């Protein structure tokens, strides 16, 4: 090869090398820009994720061995969560009082809906997990043994599996409602509570109004049952508002309100899975409750749920939970049977002055 050809080949090689070098530089520049954008967006995403995790981790409290809720969600199976409303101040205080509100939230993906089932706080039932036999008001379970005893006692009463709970500070419900922008309810009748007038028909309530609406009892012709209806209305409205929230502008307020006013045995990963995959089923909500009859237990007014009523609610819950119906046979059905046979108790009586006795085994 002569000198001229060598120079030509060297020039071609140099041009090719320069082109490769320029392409490499351009590619590196594009990758760098992409990485900067990724870090910027991902950094914000990580901040959002990390903030949420830190806040909600503070709300976690175990109730014993359980299956991870996210595995139920991944299998698209029904999910039961016990909601316990405790009427106290900030969660920093010892709030081991009685649970004023007990609602089983059942999410059914197949039916694309959530069912809220209330258990009246004065319903007589066995407290499961006490050292000695104890048959009394169901809301005493939380006071005696916290969420674990409430889960076991209500599960036994209605023969429905319950592993997960969320304890809500009803005193902090005001802040939760405010954080989701208020709630829409349908007021059943006109009444005044703590200086606030509620007019029959649709109303949009702020946090303070929602709390007054949910807590009123004595002006309601249905007493505690009417209050349960309104509490379910507010909780359902909060769920609907939360699941339709698309903006992150009030992200901190929502998380702050929830973390300060809630305790749960759902892990952060469980909550993320439920919110991501099951939130759509919170748009359709069905309501139910255990209907009891007023009676006297000593000097105390209590609610006695008939075996027929308990069976009805159990059947509904088990069906919504994807389980076969099963005949109830527990301590409550035994006490009902003994009161009818040995005490002359009449279910369906218009009197709320009948004596209810607890028979020892």
Protein backbone atom coordinates (compact mmCIF):
# COMPACT_ATOMS: atom_id res chain seq x y z
CA UNK A 1 0.00 0.00 0.00
CA UNK A 2 1.51 3.36 -1.02
CA UNK A 3 1.76 6.45 1.15
CA UNK A 4 -1.31 8.10 -0.38
CA UNK A 5 -3.53 5.11 0.34
CA UNK A 6 -2.28 4.91 3.90
CA UNK A 7 -3.23 8.55 4.48
CA UNK A 8 -6.68 7.94 2.98
CA UNK A 9 -7.32 4.90 5.17
CA UNK A 10 -6.16 6.79 8.25
CA UNK A 11 -8.51 9.67 7.41
CA UNK A 12 -11.48 7.29 7.00
CA UNK A 13 -10.67 5.59 10.30
CA UNK A 14 -10.38 8.96 12.05
CA UNK A 15 -13.76 10.12 10.65
CA UNK A 16 -15.39 6.87 11.72
CA UNK A 17 -13.85 7.12 15.19
CA UNK A 18 -14.96 10.77 15.51
CA UNK A 19 -18.52 9.84 14.47
CA UNK A 20 -18.60 7.00 17.03
CA UNK A 21 -17.24 9.35 19.66
CA UNK A 22 -19.87 12.00 18.87
CA UNK A 23 -22.66 9.39 18.98
CA UNK A 24 -21.33 8.11 22.30
CA UNK A 25 -21.27 11.65 23.71
CA UNK A 26 -24.83 12.32 22.49
CA UNK A 27 -26.02 9.02 23.95
CA UNK A 28 -24.34 9.76 27.27
CA UNK A 29 -25.91 13.23 27.31
CA UNK A 30 -29.40 11.83 26.65
CA UNK A 31 -28.91 9.16 29.33
CA UNK A 32 -27.66 11.81 31.77
CA UNK A 33 -30.69 14.03 31.11
CA UNK A 34 -32.99 11.02 31.47
CA UNK A 35 -31.33 10.01 34.75
CA UNK A 36 -31.61 13.57 36.11
CA UNK A 37 -35.34 13.57 35.28
CA UNK A 38 -35.73 10.10 36.74
CA UNK A 39 -33.97 11.12 39.94
CA UNK A 40 -36.05 14.30 40.18
CA UNK A 41 -39.38 12.53 39.67
CA UNK A 42 -38.26 9.40 41.46
CA UNK A 43 -36.90 11.49 44.31
CA UNK A 44 -40.31 13.08 44.79
CA UNK A 45 -41.95 9.68 44.46
CA UNK A 46 -39.54 8.27 47.02
CA UNK A 47 -40.27 11.22 49.33
CA UNK A 48 -44.00 10.61 48.99
CA UNK A 49 -43.53 6.88 49.59
CA UNK A 50 -41.13 7.37 52.50
CA UNK A 51 -43.32 10.02 54.16
CA UNK A 52 -46.37 7.79 53.89
CA UNK A 53 -44.51 4.79 55.25
CA UNK A 54 -43.06 6.69 58.21
CA UNK A 55 -46.42 8.18 59.17
CA UNK A 56 -48.45 4.99 58.75
CA UNK A 57 -45.83 2.80 60.43
CA UNK A 58 -46.53 4.82 63.58
CA UNK A 59 -50.14 3.59 63.44
CA UNK A 60 -49.21 -0.10 63.33
CA UNK A 61 -49.94 -2.36 66.31
CA UNK A 62 -50.00 -6.15 66.03
CA UNK A 63 -52.96 -8.25 67.16
CA UNK A 64 -51.17 -11.60 66.90
CA UNK A 65 -50.51 -14.00 64.02
CA UNK A 66 -52.30 -13.23 60.76
CA UNK A 67 -52.07 -13.72 57.01
CA UNK A 68 -50.72 -10.69 55.14
CA UNK A 69 -53.71 -8.81 53.73
CA UNK A 70 -51.78 -8.11 50.52
CA UNK A 71 -51.78 -11.85 49.74
CA UNK A 72 -55.61 -11.82 49.99
CA UNK A 73 -55.69 -8.79 47.70
CA UNK A 74 -53.35 -10.40 45.16
CA UNK A 75 -55.69 -13.42 45.04
CA UNK A 76 -58.72 -11.11 44.61
CA UNK A 77 -60.45 -12.64 47.63
CA UNK A 78 -62.93 -10.88 49.96
CA UNK A 79 -61.38 -8.95 52.85
CA UNK A 80 -62.89 -8.30 56.31
CA UNK A 81 -61.66 -5.43 58.48
CA UNK A 82 -63.12 -4.56 61.90
CA UNK A 83 -63.53 -0.80 62.38
CA UNK A 84 -63.53 0.25 66.05
CA UNK A 85 -64.62 3.79 66.88
CA UNK A 86 -63.29 5.00 70.23
CA UNK A 87 -64.64 8.30 71.54
CA UNK A 88 -61.49 9.81 73.09
CA UNK A 89 -58.93 12.52 72.62
CA UNK A 90 -55.52 12.20 71.00
CA UNK A 91 -54.05 8.72 70.56
CA UNK A 92 -51.05 9.73 72.64
CA UNK A 93 -53.21 9.13 75.72
CA UNK A 94 -54.26 5.75 77.09
CA UNK A 95 -57.59 5.25 75.35
CA UNK A 96 -58.34 1.70 76.46
CA UNK A 97 -62.01 2.61 77.02
CA UNK A 98 -64.99 0.86 75.47
CA UNK A 99 -65.53 0.93 71.72
CA UNK A 100 -68.60 3.03 70.92
CA UNK A 101 -68.63 1.98 67.28
CA UNK A 102 -68.05 -1.51 65.87
CA UNK A 103 -68.39 -2.01 62.13
CA UNK A 104 -67.23 -4.92 59.98
CA UNK A 105 -66.14 -3.65 56.56
CA UNK A 106 -66.29 -6.46 53.99
CA UNK A 107 -64.74 -5.76 50.58
CA UNK A 108 -65.96 -8.16 47.89
CA UNK A 109 -64.05 -7.85 44.58
CA UNK A 110 -66.38 -10.27 42.74
CA UNK A 111 -69.44 -8.15 43.61
CA UNK A 112 -67.43 -4.92 43.30
CA UNK A 113 -68.76 -3.48 46.56
CA UNK A 114 -68.09 -2.93 50.27
CA UNK A 115 -70.56 -3.91 53.00
CA UNK A 116 -70.57 -2.09 56.36
CA UNK A 117 -72.18 -4.15 59.14
CA UNK A 118 -72.72 -2.47 62.53
CA UNK A 119 -72.81 -4.29 65.87
CA UNK A 120 -74.61 -2.23 68.57
CA UNK A 121 -72.27 -1.49 71.45
CA UNK A 122 -74.74 -2.75 74.10
CA UNK A 123 -75.24 -6.17 72.45
CA UNK A 124 -74.77 -8.98 74.98
CA UNK A 125 -72.12 -11.52 73.98
CA UNK A 126 -69.30 -13.66 75.33
CA UNK A 127 -65.94 -11.94 75.71
CA UNK A 128 -63.44 -14.38 74.19
CA UNK A 129 -60.01 -14.49 75.78
CA UNK A 130 -60.76 -13.49 79.37
CA UNK A 131 -59.25 -15.55 82.19
CA UNK A 132 -62.70 -16.28 83.61
CA UNK A 133 -66.10 -16.71 81.93
CA UNK A 134 -67.49 -13.31 80.95
CA UNK A 135 -70.79 -12.64 79.18
CA UNK A 136 -71.64 -8.95 78.94
CA UNK A 137 -71.86 -5.97 76.57
CA UNK A 138 -69.74 -6.58 73.45
CA UNK A 139 -68.08 -3.15 73.65
CA UNK A 140 -66.36 -4.22 76.88
CA UNK A 141 -64.13 -6.54 74.83
CA UNK A 142 -61.96 -3.67 73.64
CA UNK A 143 -61.63 -2.28 77.16
CA UNK A 144 -60.71 -5.67 78.62
CA UNK A 145 -58.38 -6.99 75.93
CA UNK A 146 -57.92 -4.34 73.27
CA UNK A 147 -58.34 -5.02 69.56
CA UNK A 148 -57.33 -8.74 69.79
CA UNK A 149 -60.20 -9.50 72.18
CA UNK A 150 -62.65 -7.40 70.13
CA UNK A 151 -61.66 -9.33 66.98
CA UNK A 152 -62.10 -12.74 68.66
CA UNK A 153 -65.36 -11.85 70.42
CA UNK A 154 -67.10 -10.44 67.34
CA UNK A 155 -65.75 -13.25 65.17
CA UNK A 156 -67.23 -15.80 67.61
CA UNK A 157 -70.55 -13.92 67.89
CA UNK A 158 -71.17 -13.93 64.11
CA UNK A 159 -69.03 -16.88 62.97
CA UNK A 160 -67.06 -14.81 60.48
CA UNK A 161 -63.23 -14.76 60.21
CA UNK A 162 -61.73 -11.48 61.46
CA UNK A 163 -57.96 -10.90 61.44
CA UNK A 164 -57.61 -7.19 60.71
CA UNK A 165 -58.72 -4.12 62.61
CA UNK A 166 -58.58 -0.35 62.38
CA UNK A 167 -59.21 1.67 65.54
CA UNK A 168 -60.44 5.17 64.75
CA UNK A 169 -60.43 8.01 67.24
CA UNK A 170 -63.94 9.42 66.72
CA UNK A 171 -62.78 12.62 68.40
CA UNK A 172 -60.26 13.00 65.57
CA UNK A 173 -62.82 12.23 62.87
CA UNK A 174 -63.22 15.99 62.45
CA UNK A 175 -59.65 16.31 61.13
CA UNK A 176 -60.00 13.27 58.88
CA UNK A 177 -63.17 14.68 57.29
CA UNK A 178 -61.47 18.05 56.79
CA UNK A 179 -58.47 16.40 55.12
CA UNK A 180 -60.65 14.82 52.41
CA UNK A 181 -62.51 18.08 51.74
CA UNK A 182 -65.69 17.33 53.70
CA UNK A 183 -68.35 14.68 53.14
CA UNK A 184 -71.76 14.46 51.47
CA UNK A 185 -74.60 12.85 53.46
CA UNK A 186 -78.36 12.51 53.19
CA UNK A 187 -79.82 13.80 56.47
CA UNK A 188 -82.76 11.50 57.44
CA UNK A 189 -84.72 14.16 59.38
CA UNK A 190 -84.27 17.75 60.56
CA UNK A 191 -82.60 18.15 63.95
CA UNK A 192 -80.24 20.39 65.90
CA UNK A 193 -77.10 19.10 67.61
CA UNK A 194 -74.78 21.29 69.68
CA UNK A 195 -76.03 24.46 68.01
CA UNK A 196 -75.75 23.07 64.46
CA UNK A 197 -78.96 22.62 62.45
CA UNK A 198 -79.19 19.66 60.08
CA UNK A 199 -81.96 19.91 57.51
CA UNK A 200 -83.53 16.81 56.00
CA UNK A 201 -82.06 16.04 52.59
CA UNK A 202 -78.57 16.22 51.00
CA UNK A 203 -75.94 18.21 52.93
CA UNK A 204 -72.22 18.76 52.55
CA UNK A 205 -70.55 18.66 55.97
CA UNK A 206 -67.22 19.95 57.16
CA UNK A 207 -65.30 18.16 59.91
CA UNK A 208 -67.00 19.83 62.87
CA UNK A 209 -70.46 19.32 61.38
CA UNK A 210 -69.75 15.68 60.53
CA UNK A 211 -68.72 14.96 64.12
CA UNK A 212 -71.91 16.53 65.51
CA UNK A 213 -73.96 14.67 62.91
CA UNK A 214 -72.40 11.30 63.79
CA UNK A 215 -72.54 11.69 67.58
CA UNK A 216 -76.14 12.85 68.10
CA UNK A 217 -78.22 10.15 69.82
CA UNK A 218 -81.03 11.35 72.04
CA UNK A 219 -83.01 13.30 69.43
CA UNK A 220 -83.04 10.31 67.11
CA UNK A 221 -86.31 8.33 67.34
CA UNK A 222 -84.28 5.15 66.72
CA UNK A 223 -81.77 5.93 69.47
CA UNK A 224 -78.41 4.20 69.12
CA UNK A 225 -79.51 2.44 65.91
CA UNK A 226 -80.09 5.82 64.28
CA UNK A 227 -76.70 7.00 65.46
CA UNK A 228 -75.09 3.87 63.99
CA UNK A 229 -76.72 4.67 60.64
CA UNK A 230 -75.27 8.18 60.68
CA UNK A 231 -71.83 6.97 61.75
CA UNK A 232 -71.86 4.51 58.83
CA UNK A 233 -72.94 7.38 56.56
CA UNK A 234 -69.95 9.49 57.59
CA UNK A 235 -67.45 6.60 57.37
CA UNK A 236 -68.83 5.59 53.96
CA UNK A 237 -68.61 9.20 52.77
CA UNK A 238 -64.99 9.46 53.96
CA UNK A 239 -64.14 6.25 52.08
CA UNK A 240 -65.78 7.54 48.91
CA UNK A 241 -64.00 10.90 49.18
CA UNK A 242 -60.64 9.27 49.86
CA UNK A 243 -60.81 6.76 46.99
CA UNK A 244 -61.68 9.46 44.46
CA UNK A 245 -58.84 11.77 45.50
CA UNK A 246 -56.41 12.14 42.60
CA UNK A 247 -54.30 15.09 43.69
CA UNK A 248 -51.30 14.94 46.02
CA UNK A 249 -51.81 18.54 47.14
CA UNK A 250 -53.50 17.44 50.40
CA UNK A 251 -51.39 14.29 50.72
CA UNK A 252 -49.66 15.43 53.92
CA UNK A 253 -52.92 16.53 55.59
CA UNK A 254 -54.66 13.23 54.85
CA UNK A 255 -51.74 11.13 56.09
CA UNK A 256 -51.24 13.33 59.13
CA UNK A 257 -54.91 13.12 60.13
CA UNK A 258 -55.04 9.36 59.63
CA UNK A 259 -51.76 8.53 61.39
CA UNK A 260 -52.63 10.60 64.46
CA UNK A 261 -56.13 9.19 64.81
CA UNK A 262 -55.77 5.56 63.82
CA UNK A 263 -54.20 2.34 65.09
CA UNK A 264 -54.21 -0.81 62.93
CA UNK A 265 -52.57 -4.21 62.45
CA UNK A 266 -52.50 -3.68 58.67
CA UNK A 267 -48.91 -3.11 57.62
CA UNK A 268 -47.92 -0.29 55.29
CA UNK A 269 -47.53 -2.77 52.41
CA UNK A 270 -51.00 -4.19 53.20
CA UNK A 271 -52.54 -0.71 53.10
CA UNK A 272 -50.82 0.11 49.83
CA UNK A 273 -52.16 -3.13 48.29
CA UNK A 274 -55.70 -2.54 49.58
CA UNK A 275 -55.72 1.08 48.41
CA UNK A 276 -54.22 0.32 45.01
CA UNK A 277 -56.31 -2.74 44.07
CA UNK A 278 -59.47 -2.51 46.21
CA UNK A 279 -60.24 1.21 46.45
CA UNK A 280 -62.60 1.02 43.45
CA UNK A 281 -64.90 -1.23 45.50
CA UNK A 282 -65.44 1.57 48.01
CA UNK A 283 -67.59 3.45 45.51
CA UNK A 284 -70.53 1.07 46.06
CA UNK A 285 -71.41 0.60 49.73
CA UNK A 286 -74.11 -1.61 51.25
CA UNK A 287 -75.22 -1.15 54.89
CA UNK A 288 -76.41 -3.70 57.44
CA UNK A 289 -76.60 -4.01 61.24
CA UNK A 290 -77.46 -6.42 64.04
CA UNK A 291 -80.95 -5.56 65.30
CA UNK A 292 -81.39 -6.23 69.00
CA UNK A 293 -84.21 -5.89 71.52
CA UNK A 294 -84.01 -3.71 74.62
CA UNK A 295 -83.87 -5.59 77.93
CA UNK A 296 -82.68 -5.27 81.53
CA UNK A 297 -79.55 -7.05 82.71
CA UNK A 298 -79.67 -6.30 86.41
CA UNK A 299 -80.10 -2.51 86.48
CA UNK A 300 -78.45 -1.96 83.10
CA UNK A 301 -80.20 -1.47 79.77
CA UNK A 302 -78.75 -3.83 77.14
CA UNK A 303 -79.50 -5.11 73.64
CA UNK A 304 -80.33 -8.78 73.08
CA UNK A 305 -79.96 -10.02 69.50
CA UNK A 306 -82.14 -13.04 68.76
CA UNK A 307 -80.54 -16.19 67.38
CA UNK A 308 -82.60 -15.69 64.21
CA UNK A 309 -81.17 -12.18 63.74
CA UNK A 310 -77.61 -13.27 64.48
CA UNK A 311 -78.02 -16.09 61.96
CA UNK A 312 -79.27 -13.63 59.30
CA UNK A 313 -76.29 -11.32 59.78
CA UNK A 314 -73.86 -14.26 59.90
CA UNK A 315 -75.27 -15.65 56.64
CA UNK A 316 -74.90 -12.25 54.93
CA UNK A 317 -71.35 -11.75 56.18
CA UNK A 318 -70.22 -15.24 55.23
CA UNK A 319 -71.78 -14.89 51.76
CA UNK A 320 -70.03 -11.53 51.24
CA UNK A 321 -66.82 -13.16 52.51
CA UNK A 322 -67.06 -15.94 49.92
CA UNK A 323 -67.90 -18.60 52.54
CA UNK A 324 -70.71 -21.13 52.85
CA UNK A 325 -73.46 -20.41 55.36
CA UNK A 326 -73.14 -22.27 58.69
CA UNK A 327 -75.53 -22.71 61.62
CA UNK A 328 -74.60 -20.57 64.61
CA UNK A 329 -73.88 -22.47 67.79
CA UNK A 330 -72.06 -20.33 70.35
CA UNK A 331 -72.43 -18.96 73.87
CA UNK A 332 -74.86 -16.25 72.76
CA UNK A 333 -77.23 -18.69 71.08
CA UNK A 334 -77.01 -20.87 74.23
CA UNK A 335 -77.92 -17.93 76.51
CA UNK A 336 -80.80 -17.01 74.20
CA UNK A 337 -82.10 -20.57 74.36
CA UNK A 338 -81.81 -20.72 78.16
CA UNK A 339 -83.56 -17.35 78.60
CA UNK A 340 -86.50 -18.50 76.49
CA UNK A 341 -86.79 -21.88 78.20
CA UNK A 342 -85.89 -21.01 81.81
CA UNK A 343 -86.57 -17.29 82.11
CA UNK A 344 -89.67 -16.78 79.92
CA UNK A 345 -87.87 -14.25 77.72
CA UNK A 346 -89.96 -13.40 74.63
CA UNK A 347 -88.14 -12.29 71.48
CA UNK A 348 -90.35 -9.96 69.48
CA UNK A 349 -91.98 -8.46 72.57
CA UNK A 350 -92.70 -4.72 72.46
CA UNK A 351 -91.45 -4.39 76.05
CA UNK A 352 -87.90 -3.27 76.73
CA UNK A 353 -88.22 -4.10 80.43
CA UNK A 354 -87.78 -7.86 80.23
CA UNK A 355 -85.09 -9.31 82.46
CA UNK A 356 -82.22 -11.09 80.76
CA UNK A 357 -80.21 -13.53 82.85
CA UNK A 358 -76.78 -15.02 82.26
CA UNK A 359 -76.84 -18.77 82.94
CA UNK A 360 -73.61 -20.43 84.00
CA UNK A 361 -72.63 -23.66 82.27
